[in-house]
Amino acid sequence: MKNFAILGILFSFFLTDAFASGHGPLFGLSTPTNARHQWSIDFASLTIRDQDNTGAVFRSILSYGITETVMVSASVPVIAGQTESLTPALGSFEGFVTWRFQKRNLGIARRYESVVFGGIIYPADQFGALSLVEKTPGVLLGGCTGLVSRKHYLWVGASYTAFQEKNGDRRPDLLFYSVAWGFRPDAWRKEYPAWDWRLFVEATGEAFGDLQINNLTLTDTDEHQLLLGPAILGQYKSIAVEAGIQAAIYRNTGLDSGERFRFGVTGVYYF
């Protein structure tokens, strides 16, 4: 049976302090962190369409900048609809720390910077076959590096998530990687009280092995897929909104239920 999830969310925000942490892609990894003692709250939705079904993950993320270079974050998900996507990390509670360990100025409004991040995740409700697997904590580690200027942005990053085994069940480890290029046209470069806009082209990849249930490995549940698509980000003082779509350009899976596209929307308020 096909189940269809709501594809949009209405975001309402109130203005306070100016946005200070930078700007990033929607699907890929990036290097911005919050300013010292700055909070941010994200409200995001990710809609996934496979061959027959549509499902959605709604996520709230609260972040705090301990210093200019160290940020802590926690997220809570809600799942709706149905999809046979087996991406292991979908619909997980997460707590993690981001450390920007390198920042080098390359000229006026140009810099090269890198971050590492790590944390703990715990599955909430899951889609498809993942709902049959015992829930166990996972460990997430990753990093990202990039070049940032007023007009162009380029980030490359990767992360690895490993899960524990419980009662003979084990969800597969997940390798995620991304490349994101951003462009800020001169005509779109505005100062408050106008909206400031950016375009992104984002490529993301996910690779994971077979599921294990009751000490049995379910063959042909492994997957490697690549997705590509655009996103657009707008900033208005302490508010940022972003939307984008990705389509699968490569899939290597034993199941005929891989994703066809993803649609994401997010709104961020900084205070």
Protein backbone atom coordinates (compact mmCIF):
# COMPACT_ATOMS: atom_id res chain seq x y z
CA MET A 1 0.00 0.00 0.00
CA LYS A 2 1.25 3.44 -0.87
CA ASN A 3 1.48 5.92 1.98
CA PHE A 4 2.05 9.57 1.20
CA ALA A 5 3.61 12.00 3.66
CA ILE A 6 3.10 15.76 3.81
CA LEU A 7 5.78 17.41 1.65
CA GLY A 8 5.88 20.86 3.21
CA ILE A 9 6.22 22.59 6.58
CA LEU A 10 5.39 26.18 7.46
CA PHE A 11 8.10 27.85 9.53
CA SER A 12 7.49 30.92 11.74
CA PHE A 13 10.34 32.82 13.35
CA PHE A 14 10.96 36.00 15.35
CA LEU A 15 13.98 38.26 14.82
CA THR A 16 16.74 38.78 17.39
CA ASP A 17 20.53 38.89 17.05
CA ALA A 18 22.29 38.84 13.70
CA PHE A 19 23.26 35.56 12.05
CA ALA A 20 26.96 34.94 12.66
CA SER A 21 27.95 31.33 11.97
CA GLY A 22 28.11 31.14 8.16
CA HIS A 23 26.10 29.34 5.53
CA GLY A 24 26.05 25.72 4.38
CA PRO A 25 24.49 23.25 1.98
CA LEU A 26 21.26 21.36 2.69
CA PHE A 27 22.22 17.71 2.08
CA GLY A 28 26.02 17.76 2.28
CA LEU A 29 28.53 18.38 5.06
CA SER A 30 30.01 21.85 5.67
CA THR A 31 32.27 23.72 8.11
CA PRO A 32 30.23 26.59 9.70
CA THR A 33 29.86 26.61 13.49
CA ASN A 34 27.86 28.90 15.75
CA ALA A 35 29.49 31.97 17.26
CA ARG A 36 30.57 31.89 20.91
CA HIS A 37 27.52 31.59 23.23
CA GLN A 38 25.17 31.56 20.22
CA TRP A 39 22.18 29.22 20.08
CA SER A 40 20.39 28.00 16.97
CA ILE A 41 17.36 25.82 16.39
CA ASP A 42 16.67 24.04 13.11
CA PHE A 43 13.35 22.66 11.91
CA ALA A 44 13.90 20.35 8.94
CA SER A 45 12.02 17.86 6.80
CA LEU A 46 13.46 15.25 4.44
CA THR A 47 11.00 13.54 2.10
CA ILE A 48 12.12 10.31 0.42
CA ARG A 49 10.44 8.80 -2.63
CA ASP A 50 11.24 5.22 -3.63
CA GLN A 51 9.64 3.06 -6.32
CA ASP A 52 6.25 2.77 -4.64
CA ASN A 53 6.12 4.82 -1.46
CA THR A 54 6.83 8.19 0.08
CA GLY A 55 8.13 8.73 3.61
CA ALA A 56 9.34 11.74 5.53
CA VAL A 57 11.64 12.48 8.45
CA PHE A 58 10.95 15.65 10.45
CA ARG A 59 13.82 16.75 12.66
CA SER A 60 14.47 19.46 15.26
CA ILE A 61 18.12 20.32 16.00
CA LEU A 62 19.33 22.50 18.86
CA SER A 63 22.94 23.76 18.72
CA TYR A 64 25.10 25.91 20.99
CA GLY A 65 28.48 27.51 20.34
CA ILE A 66 30.66 26.92 23.38
CA THR A 67 33.46 28.88 21.71
CA GLU A 68 34.05 30.19 18.18
CA THR A 69 35.39 26.76 17.24
CA VAL A 70 33.44 24.23 19.36
CA MET A 71 29.71 23.56 18.96
CA VAL A 72 27.42 20.97 20.58
CA SER A 73 24.18 19.78 18.97
CA ALA A 74 21.25 17.46 19.71
CA SER A 75 18.44 16.38 17.40
CA VAL A 76 15.07 14.66 17.75
CA PRO A 77 13.30 13.01 14.75
CA VAL A 78 9.70 12.16 13.85
CA ILE A 79 8.92 9.75 11.00
CA ALA A 80 5.80 9.76 8.82
CA GLY A 81 4.65 7.73 5.82
CA GLN A 82 6.56 4.73 4.51
CA THR A 83 9.58 4.02 2.32
CA GLU A 84 11.77 0.98 1.69
CA SER A 85 14.91 3.10 1.95
CA LEU A 86 17.41 1.21 4.13
CA THR A 87 19.67 4.13 4.98
CA PRO A 88 20.59 3.09 8.54
CA ALA A 89 20.85 6.56 10.09
CA LEU A 90 17.39 7.81 9.10
CA GLY A 91 15.19 8.64 12.06
CA SER A 92 17.77 8.69 14.85
CA PHE A 93 18.23 10.71 18.02
CA GLU A 94 21.64 12.34 17.85
CA GLY A 95 24.04 14.16 20.14
CA PHE A 96 27.39 15.33 18.78
CA VAL A 97 30.24 17.81 19.06
CA THR A 98 31.78 19.79 16.17
CA TRP A 99 35.32 21.23 16.41
CA ARG A 100 36.69 23.63 13.82
CA PHE A 101 40.38 22.87 14.27
CA GLN A 102 41.67 24.85 11.31
CA LYS A 103 40.90 28.27 9.88
CA ARG A 104 43.31 30.06 7.56
CA ASN A 105 42.60 33.40 5.94
CA LEU A 106 43.54 33.51 2.25
CA GLY A 107 42.78 37.17 1.58
CA ILE A 108 39.87 39.55 1.86
CA ALA A 109 36.73 37.54 2.76
CA ARG A 110 38.40 34.26 1.71
CA ARG A 111 39.34 31.43 4.04
CA TYR A 112 40.15 27.73 4.20
CA GLU A 113 38.77 25.81 7.19
CA SER A 114 38.23 22.28 8.46
CA VAL A 115 36.09 20.61 11.10
CA VAL A 116 35.82 17.21 12.75
CA PHE A 117 32.72 15.96 14.53
CA GLY A 118 31.60 12.95 16.51
CA GLY A 119 28.79 11.74 18.68
CA ILE A 120 26.22 9.11 19.61
CA ILE A 121 23.05 8.23 17.73
CA TYR A 122 20.13 6.03 18.76
CA PRO A 123 17.42 4.87 16.31
CA ALA A 124 13.88 6.10 16.76
CA ASP A 125 11.14 4.64 14.56
CA GLN A 126 12.51 3.17 11.33
CA PHE A 127 11.36 2.57 7.78
CA GLY A 128 10.89 -0.81 6.06
CA ALA A 129 13.11 -3.74 7.03
CA LEU A 130 15.01 -1.59 9.54
CA SER A 131 11.93 -1.64 11.78
CA LEU A 132 12.58 -5.38 12.32
CA VAL A 133 16.10 -4.83 13.69
CA GLU A 134 16.78 -4.39 17.43
CA LYS A 135 17.58 -0.78 18.26
CA THR A 136 21.14 -0.21 19.46
CA PRO A 137 23.31 2.90 19.87
CA GLY A 138 25.69 3.95 17.13
CA VAL A 139 28.87 6.01 17.04
CA LEU A 140 29.29 8.75 14.43
CA LEU A 141 32.64 10.21 13.36
CA GLY A 142 33.38 12.52 10.45
CA GLY A 143 35.08 15.57 9.05
CA CYS A 144 34.78 18.27 6.43
CA THR A 145 37.07 20.81 4.79
CA GLY A 146 36.31 23.69 2.49
CA LEU A 147 37.07 27.00 0.82
CA VAL A 148 34.75 29.91 1.63
CA SER A 149 34.53 33.36 0.01
CA ARG A 150 31.88 35.99 -0.56
CA LYS A 151 30.94 34.53 -3.93
CA HIS A 152 31.99 30.87 -4.03
CA TYR A 153 31.91 27.95 -1.57
CA LEU A 154 33.33 24.44 -1.87
CA TRP A 155 33.12 21.71 0.79
CA VAL A 156 34.21 18.05 0.80
CA GLY A 157 33.38 15.78 3.72
CA ALA A 158 32.70 12.26 4.92
CA SER A 159 31.33 10.46 7.99
CA TYR A 160 31.16 6.89 9.26
CA THR A 161 28.49 5.47 11.55
CA ALA A 162 28.94 2.12 13.30
CA PHE A 163 26.19 0.26 15.21
CA GLN A 164 26.36 -2.30 18.00
CA GLU A 165 24.92 -5.82 17.79
CA LYS A 166 22.06 -6.88 20.06
CA ASN A 167 20.34 -10.29 20.30
CA GLY A 168 21.78 -11.33 16.96
CA ASP A 169 20.55 -8.17 15.21
CA ARG A 170 22.78 -5.50 13.74
CA ARG A 171 22.04 -2.66 11.39
CA PRO A 172 24.83 -2.07 8.87
CA ASP A 173 27.54 0.53 9.29
CA LEU A 174 27.04 3.59 7.10
CA LEU A 175 29.62 5.50 5.05
CA PHE A 176 28.40 8.94 3.97
CA TYR A 177 30.33 11.38 1.78
CA SER A 178 29.52 14.65 0.05
CA VAL A 179 30.78 17.40 -2.23
CA ALA A 180 28.97 20.75 -2.28
CA TRP A 181 29.61 23.84 -4.41
CA GLY A 182 27.90 27.13 -3.63
CA PHE A 183 27.49 30.33 -5.62
CA ARG A 184 26.36 33.74 -4.40
CA PRO A 185 25.51 35.93 -7.43
CA ASP A 186 26.33 39.63 -7.15
CA ALA A 187 22.70 40.56 -7.78
CA TRP A 188 21.61 38.35 -4.86
CA ARG A 189 24.22 39.65 -2.41
CA LYS A 190 22.15 41.89 -0.13
CA GLU A 191 22.46 43.35 3.35
CA TYR A 192 19.70 43.44 5.96
CA PRO A 193 16.82 44.41 5.67
CA ALA A 194 16.90 42.58 2.31
CA TRP A 195 17.10 38.79 1.80
CA ASP A 196 20.54 37.40 0.92
CA TRP A 197 20.50 34.28 -1.32
CA ARG A 198 22.87 31.46 -2.34
CA LEU A 199 22.66 28.53 -4.76
CA PHE A 200 24.20 25.11 -4.13
CA VAL A 201 24.87 22.01 -6.21
CA GLU A 202 25.27 19.02 -3.92
CA ALA A 203 26.41 15.44 -4.53
CA THR A 204 26.06 12.91 -1.72
CA GLY A 205 26.85 9.21 -1.47
CA GLU A 206 25.83 6.46 0.95
CA ALA A 207 27.23 2.95 1.23
CA PHE A 208 26.26 0.23 3.71
CA GLY A 209 26.32 -3.56 3.99
CA ASP A 210 23.70 -6.26 4.56
CA LEU A 211 21.25 -6.32 7.46
CA GLN A 212 21.69 -8.94 10.19
CA ILE A 213 18.60 -10.34 11.94
CA ASN A 214 18.68 -13.26 14.42
CA ASN A 215 22.33 -13.92 13.50
CA LEU A 216 21.32 -14.32 9.86
CA THR A 217 22.71 -12.00 7.20
CA LEU A 218 20.03 -10.84 4.76
CA THR A 219 21.84 -10.92 1.44
CA ASP A 220 21.08 -8.29 -1.19
CA THR A 221 20.12 -5.68 1.38
CA ASP A 222 23.41 -3.80 0.93
CA GLU A 223 23.38 -0.59 -1.07
CA HIS A 224 25.58 2.10 -2.56
CA GLN A 225 23.89 5.12 -4.05
CA LEU A 226 24.82 8.57 -5.32
CA LEU A 227 22.43 11.53 -5.37
CA LEU A 228 22.79 14.90 -7.05
CA GLY A 229 20.73 18.06 -7.03
CA PRO A 230 20.38 21.80 -6.35
CA ALA A 231 19.44 23.76 -3.24
CA ILE A 232 18.75 27.41 -2.53
CA LEU A 233 19.41 29.20 0.77
CA GLY A 234 18.09 32.56 1.91
CA GLN A 235 19.14 34.62 4.94
CA TYR A 236 17.24 37.44 6.62
CA LYS A 237 19.02 38.74 9.73
CA SER A 238 18.82 35.84 12.25
CA ILE A 239 16.69 33.61 10.02
CA ALA A 240 17.86 31.18 7.35
CA VAL A 241 15.58 29.09 5.11
CA GLU A 242 16.68 26.49 2.58
CA ALA A 243 15.09 24.03 0.16
CA GLY A 244 16.50 21.54 -2.31
CA ILE A 245 16.00 18.29 -4.19
CA GLN A 246 18.28 15.40 -5.09
CA ALA A 247 17.77 12.56 -7.56
CA ALA A 248 19.53 9.21 -7.58
CA ILE A 249 22.12 9.10 -10.39
CA TYR A 250 23.66 5.76 -9.40
CA ARG A 251 22.32 2.83 -7.39
CA ASN A 252 23.92 -0.52 -6.70
CA THR A 253 21.50 -2.55 -4.61
CA GLY A 254 20.03 -6.03 -4.53
CA LEU A 255 16.57 -4.61 -3.87
CA ASP A 256 14.37 -2.84 -6.39
CA SER A 257 13.31 -0.34 -3.75
CA GLY A 258 16.06 2.25 -3.75
CA GLU A 259 15.37 5.93 -3.55
CA ARG A 260 14.29 7.88 -6.61
CA PHE A 261 14.63 11.37 -5.10
CA ARG A 262 14.83 13.37 -1.87
CA PHE A 263 13.24 16.72 -1.13
CA GLY A 264 14.43 18.76 1.83
CA VAL A 265 13.25 21.94 3.56
CA THR A 266 14.80 23.56 6.61
CA GLY A 267 14.44 26.73 8.64
CA VAL A 268 17.00 27.99 11.17
CA TYR A 269 16.69 30.65 13.86
CA TYR A 270 19.82 32.03 15.57
CA PHE A 271 19.67 33.67 18.99
